[in-house]
PDB file of N, CA and C in Angstrom:
ATOM      1  N   MET A   1     136.976 173.673 104.164  1.00  0.00           N
ATOM      2  CA  MET A   1     135.628 173.751 103.643  1.00  0.00           C
ATOM      3  C   MET A   1     134.656 173.861 104.820  1.00  0.00           C
ATOM      4  N   ARG A   2     133.609 174.647 104.611  1.00  0.00           N
ATOM      5  CA  ARG A   2     132.620 174.831 105.667  1.00  0.00           C
ATOM      6  C   ARG A   2     131.613 173.691 105.667  1.00  0.00           C
ATOM      7  N   ASP A   3     131.249 173.254 106.837  1.00  0.00           N
ATOM      8  CA  ASP A   3     130.247 172.197 106.963  1.00  0.00           C
ATOM      9  C   ASP A   3     128.823 172.733 106.828  1.00  0.00           C
ATOM     10  N   HIS A   4     128.628 173.981 107.187  1.00  0.00           N
ATOM     11  CA  HIS A   4     127.284 174.562 107.131  1.00  0.00           C
ATOM     12  C   HIS A   4     127.389 176.058 106.849  1.00  0.00           C
ATOM     13  N   LEU A   5     126.306 176.603 106.345  1.00  0.00           N
ATOM     14  CA  LEU A   5     126.230 178.039 106.100  1.00  0.00           C
ATOM     15  C   LEU A   5     125.355 178.669 107.170  1.00  0.00           C
ATOM     16  N   PRO A   6     125.665 179.882 107.565  1.00  0.00           N
ATOM     17  CA  PRO A   6     124.821 180.543 108.576  1.00  0.00           C
ATOM     18  C   PRO A   6     123.437 180.847 107.991  1.00  0.00           C
ATOM     19  N   LEU A   7     122.435 180.723 108.809  1.00  0.00           N
ATOM     20  CA  LEU A   7     121.081 181.038 108.377  1.00  0.00           C
ATOM     21  C   LEU A   7     120.882 182.549 108.382  1.00  0.00           C
ATOM     22  N   LEU A   8     120.299 183.040 107.322  1.00  0.00           N
ATOM     23  CA  LEU A   8     120.012 184.462 107.243  1.00  0.00           C
ATOM     24  C   LEU A   8     118.550 184.700 107.589  1.00  0.00           C
ATOM     25  N   THR A   9     118.315 185.655 108.438  1.00  0.00           N
ATOM     26  CA  THR A   9     116.940 185.990 108.792  1.00  0.00           C
ATOM     27  C   THR A   9     116.534 187.253 108.054  1.00  0.00           C
ATOM     28  N   PRO A  10     115.408 187.225 107.355  1.00  0.00           N
ATOM     29  CA  PRO A  10     114.974 188.428 106.644  1.00  0.00           C
ATOM     30  C   PRO A  10     114.585 189.522 107.631  1.00  0.00           C
ATOM     31  N   ARG A  11     114.915 190.724 107.251  1.00  0.00           N
ATOM     32  CA  ARG A  11     114.542 191.867 108.090  1.00  0.00           C
ATOM     33  C   ARG A  11     113.113 192.263 107.783  1.00  0.00           C
ATOM     34  N   LYS A  12     112.423 192.710 108.794  1.00  0.00           N
ATOM     35  CA  LYS A  12     111.064 193.196 108.595  1.00  0.00           C
ATOM     36  C   LYS A  12     111.129 194.669 108.199  1.00  0.00           C
ATOM     37  N   ALA A  13     110.360 195.016 107.195  1.00  0.00           N
ATOM     38  CA  ALA A  13     110.334 196.398 106.744  1.00  0.00           C
ATOM     39  C   ALA A  13     109.585 197.252 107.765  1.00  0.00           C
ATOM     40  N   ALA A  14     110.106 198.400 108.005  1.00  0.00           N
ATOM     41  CA  ALA A  14     109.476 199.321 108.949  1.00  0.00           C
ATOM     42  C   ALA A  14     108.550 200.254 108.185  1.00  0.00           C
ATOM     43  N   THR A  15     107.449 199.705 107.722  1.00  0.00           N
ATOM     44  CA  THR A  15     106.485 200.516 106.977  1.00  0.00           C
ATOM     45  C   THR A  15     105.143 200.498 107.681  1.00  0.00           C
ATOM     46  N   THR A  16     104.372 201.511 107.448  1.00  0.00           N
ATOM     47  CA  THR A  16     103.037 201.607 108.005  1.00  0.00           C
ATOM     48  C   THR A  16     102.041 201.570 106.857  1.00  0.00           C
ATOM     49  N   VAL A  17     101.055 200.718 106.965  1.00  0.00           N
ATOM     50  CA  VAL A  17     100.044 200.595 105.933  1.00  0.00           C
ATOM     51  C   VAL A  17      98.890 201.529 106.269  1.00  0.00           C
ATOM     52  N   ASP A  18      98.498 202.337 105.288  1.00  0.00           N
ATOM     53  CA  ASP A  18      97.387 203.255 105.491  1.00  0.00           C
ATOM     54  C   ASP A  18      96.086 202.524 105.172  1.00  0.00           C
ATOM     55  N   THR A  19      95.274 202.285 106.189  1.00  0.00           N
ATOM     56  CA  THR A  19      94.008 201.576 105.991  1.00  0.00           C
ATOM     57  C   THR A  19      92.803 202.495 106.188  1.00  0.00           C
ATOM     58  N   THR A  20      93.039 203.789 106.135  1.00  0.00           N
ATOM     59  CA  THR A  20      91.967 204.745 106.388  1.00  0.00           C
ATOM     60  C   THR A  20      90.770 204.498 105.483  1.00  0.00           C
ATOM     61  N   HIS A  21      91.022 204.305 104.188  1.00  0.00           N
ATOM     62  CA  HIS A  21      89.923 204.107 103.246  1.00  0.00           C
ATOM     63  C   HIS A  21      89.128 202.851 103.577  1.00  0.00           C
ATOM     64  N   TYR A  22      89.817 201.798 103.968  1.00  0.00           N
ATOM     65  CA  TYR A  22      89.146 200.535 104.234  1.00  0.00           C
ATOM     66  C   TYR A  22      88.335 200.559 105.523  1.00  0.00           C
ATOM     67  N   ASP A  23      88.705 201.430 106.425  1.00  0.00           N
ATOM     68  CA  ASP A  23      88.010 201.504 107.711  1.00  0.00           C
ATOM     69  C   ASP A  23      86.778 202.394 107.658  1.00  0.00           C
ATOM     70  N   GLN A  24      86.574 203.108 106.567  1.00  0.00           N
ATOM     71  CA  GLN A  24      85.462 204.048 106.487  1.00  0.00           C
ATOM     72  C   GLN A  24      84.168 203.352 106.106  1.00  0.00           C
ATOM     73  N   GLY A  25      83.070 203.803 106.687  1.00  0.00           N
ATOM     74  CA  GLY A  25      81.756 203.302 106.318  1.00  0.00           C
ATOM     75  C   GLY A  25      81.338 202.083 107.114  1.00  0.00           C
ATOM     76  N   THR A  26      80.105 201.696 106.857  1.00  0.00           N
ATOM     77  CA  THR A  26      79.560 200.513 107.529  1.00  0.00           C
ATOM     78  C   THR A  26      80.072 199.255 106.840  1.00  0.00           C
ATOM     79  N   ALA A  27      79.819 198.125 107.439  1.00  0.00           N
ATOM     80  CA  ALA A  27      80.243 196.855 106.840  1.00  0.00           C
ATOM     81  C   ALA A  27      79.593 196.675 105.470  1.00  0.00           C
ATOM     82  N   THR A  28      78.341 197.073 105.342  1.00  0.00           N
ATOM     83  CA  THR A  28      77.636 196.958 104.061  1.00  0.00           C
ATOM     84  C   THR A  28      78.301 197.812 102.999  1.00  0.00           C
ATOM     85  N   GLU A  29      78.671 199.033 103.359  1.00  0.00           N
ATOM     86  CA  GLU A  29      79.344 199.922 102.402  1.00  0.00           C
ATOM     87  C   GLU A  29      80.700 199.362 101.991  1.00  0.00           C
ATOM     88  N   ARG A  30      81.420 198.761 102.935  1.00  0.00           N
ATOM     89  CA  ARG A  30      82.721 198.173 102.606  1.00  0.00           C
ATOM     90  C   ARG A  30      82.556 196.987 101.661  1.00  0.00           C
ATOM     91  N   TRP A  31      81.512 196.164 101.886  1.00  0.00           N
ATOM     92  CA  TRP A  31      81.251 195.035 100.999  1.00  0.00           C
ATOM     93  C   TRP A  31      80.885 195.525  99.602  1.00  0.00           C
ATOM     94  N   GLU A  32      80.108 196.622  99.526  1.00  0.00           N
ATOM     95  CA  GLU A  32      79.736 197.174  98.214  1.00  0.00           C
ATOM     96  C   GLU A  32      80.976 197.650  97.458  1.00  0.00           C
ATOM     97  N   ARG A  33      81.898 198.314  98.155  1.00  0.00           N
ATOM     98  CA  ARG A  33      83.141 198.764  97.513  1.00  0.00           C
ATOM     99  C   ARG A  33      83.963 197.569  97.048  1.00  0.00           C
ATOM    100  N   ALA A  34      84.010 196.528  97.857  1.00  0.00           N
ATOM    101  CA  ALA A  34      84.769 195.328  97.478  1.00  0.00           C
ATOM    102  C   ALA A  34      84.154 194.690  96.239  1.00  0.00           C
ATOM    103  N   GLN A  35      82.830 194.627  96.181  1.00  0.00           N
ATOM    104  CA  GLN A  35      82.161 194.035  95.019  1.00  0.00           C
ATOM    105  C   GLN A  35      82.450 194.851  93.761  1.00  0.00           C
ATOM    106  N   MET A  36      82.481 196.168  93.888  1.00  0.00           N
ATOM    107  CA  MET A  36      82.811 197.018  92.734  1.00  0.00           C
ATOM    108  C   MET A  36      84.221 196.727  92.247  1.00  0.00           C
ATOM    109  N   LEU A  37      85.149 196.507  93.165  1.00  0.00           N
ATOM    110  CA  LEU A  37      86.525 196.196  92.793  1.00  0.00           C
ATOM    111  C   LEU A  37      86.591 194.867  92.050  1.00  0.00           C
ATOM    112  N   PHE A  38      85.914 193.845  92.566  1.00  0.00           N
ATOM    113  CA  PHE A  38      85.929 192.535  91.913  1.00  0.00           C
ATOM    114  C   PHE A  38      85.280 192.601  90.539  1.00  0.00           C
ATOM    115  N   ASP A  39      84.175 193.350  90.432  1.00  0.00           N
ATOM    116  CA  ASP A  39      83.511 193.501  89.134  1.00  0.00           C
ATOM    117  C   ASP A  39      84.434 194.169  88.127  1.00  0.00           C
ATOM    118  N   ALA A  40      85.162 195.180  88.569  1.00  0.00           N
ATOM    119  CA  ALA A  40      86.085 195.889  87.681  1.00  0.00           C
ATOM    120  C   ALA A  40      87.207 194.961  87.228  1.00  0.00           C
ATOM    121  N   LYS A  41      87.713 194.125  88.109  1.00  0.00           N
ATOM    122  CA  LYS A  41      88.778 193.185  87.738  1.00  0.00           C
ATOM    123  C   LYS A  41      88.263 192.173  86.722  1.00  0.00           C
ATOM    124  N   GLU A  42      87.033 191.674  86.912  1.00  0.00           N
ATOM    125  CA  GLU A  42      86.461 190.716  85.964  1.00  0.00           C
ATOM    126  C   GLU A  42      86.246 191.386  84.607  1.00  0.00           C
ATOM    127  N   TYR A  43      85.773 192.629  84.612  1.00  0.00           N
ATOM    128  CA  TYR A  43      85.545 193.351  83.363  1.00  0.00           C
ATOM    129  C   TYR A  43      86.869 193.546  82.619  1.00  0.00           C
ATOM    130  N   THR A  44      87.908 193.924  83.347  1.00  0.00           N
ATOM    131  CA  THR A  44      89.206 194.142  82.745  1.00  0.00           C
ATOM    132  C   THR A  44      89.747 192.845  82.156  1.00  0.00           C
ATOM    133  N   ALA A  45      89.619 191.746  82.870  1.00  0.00           N
ATOM    134  CA  ALA A  45      90.089 190.460  82.359  1.00  0.00           C
ATOM    135  C   ALA A  45      89.314 190.059  81.105  1.00  0.00           C
ATOM    136  N   ALA A  46      88.012 190.283  81.101  1.00  0.00           N
ATOM    137  CA  ALA A  46      87.180 189.942  79.934  1.00  0.00           C
ATOM    138  C   ALA A  46      87.550 190.812  78.744  1.00  0.00           C
ATOM    139  N   ALA A  47      87.796 192.082  78.989  1.00  0.00           N
ATOM    140  CA  ALA A  47      88.165 192.997  77.902  1.00  0.00           C
ATOM    141  C   ALA A  47      89.503 192.596  77.278  1.00  0.00           C
ATOM    142  N   HIS A  48      90.440 192.179  78.106  1.00  0.00           N
ATOM    143  CA  HIS A  48      91.743 191.763  77.594  1.00  0.00           C
ATOM    144  C   HIS A  48      91.659 190.461  76.803  1.00  0.00           C
ATOM    145  N   SER A  49      90.743 189.573  77.194  1.00  0.00           N
ATOM    146  CA  SER A  49      90.628 188.306  76.487  1.00  0.00           C
ATOM    147  C   SER A  49      89.955 188.466  75.128  1.00  0.00           C
ATOM    148  N   GLN A  50      89.268 189.589  74.907  1.00  0.00           N
ATOM    149  CA  GLN A  50      88.577 189.824  73.638  1.00  0.00           C
ATOM    150  C   GLN A  50      89.524 190.377  72.568  1.00  0.00           C
ATOM    151  N   ARG A  51      90.714 190.714  72.934  1.00  0.00           N
ATOM    152  CA  ARG A  51      91.658 191.296  71.971  1.00  0.00           C
ATOM    153  C   ARG A  51      92.139 190.291  70.988  1.00  0.00           C
TER     154      ARG A  51
END
């Protein structure tokens, strides 16, 4: 019987994240886009709760 099991280390995925959209515009414009996203999520959640 084994006293211990070998530890497995997860492999890191070799992917590249495209952040082009997020890097565009001024800080104010990026905040406005973020606010639109949050508003849309709240609207969607409210619409689903009305069903």
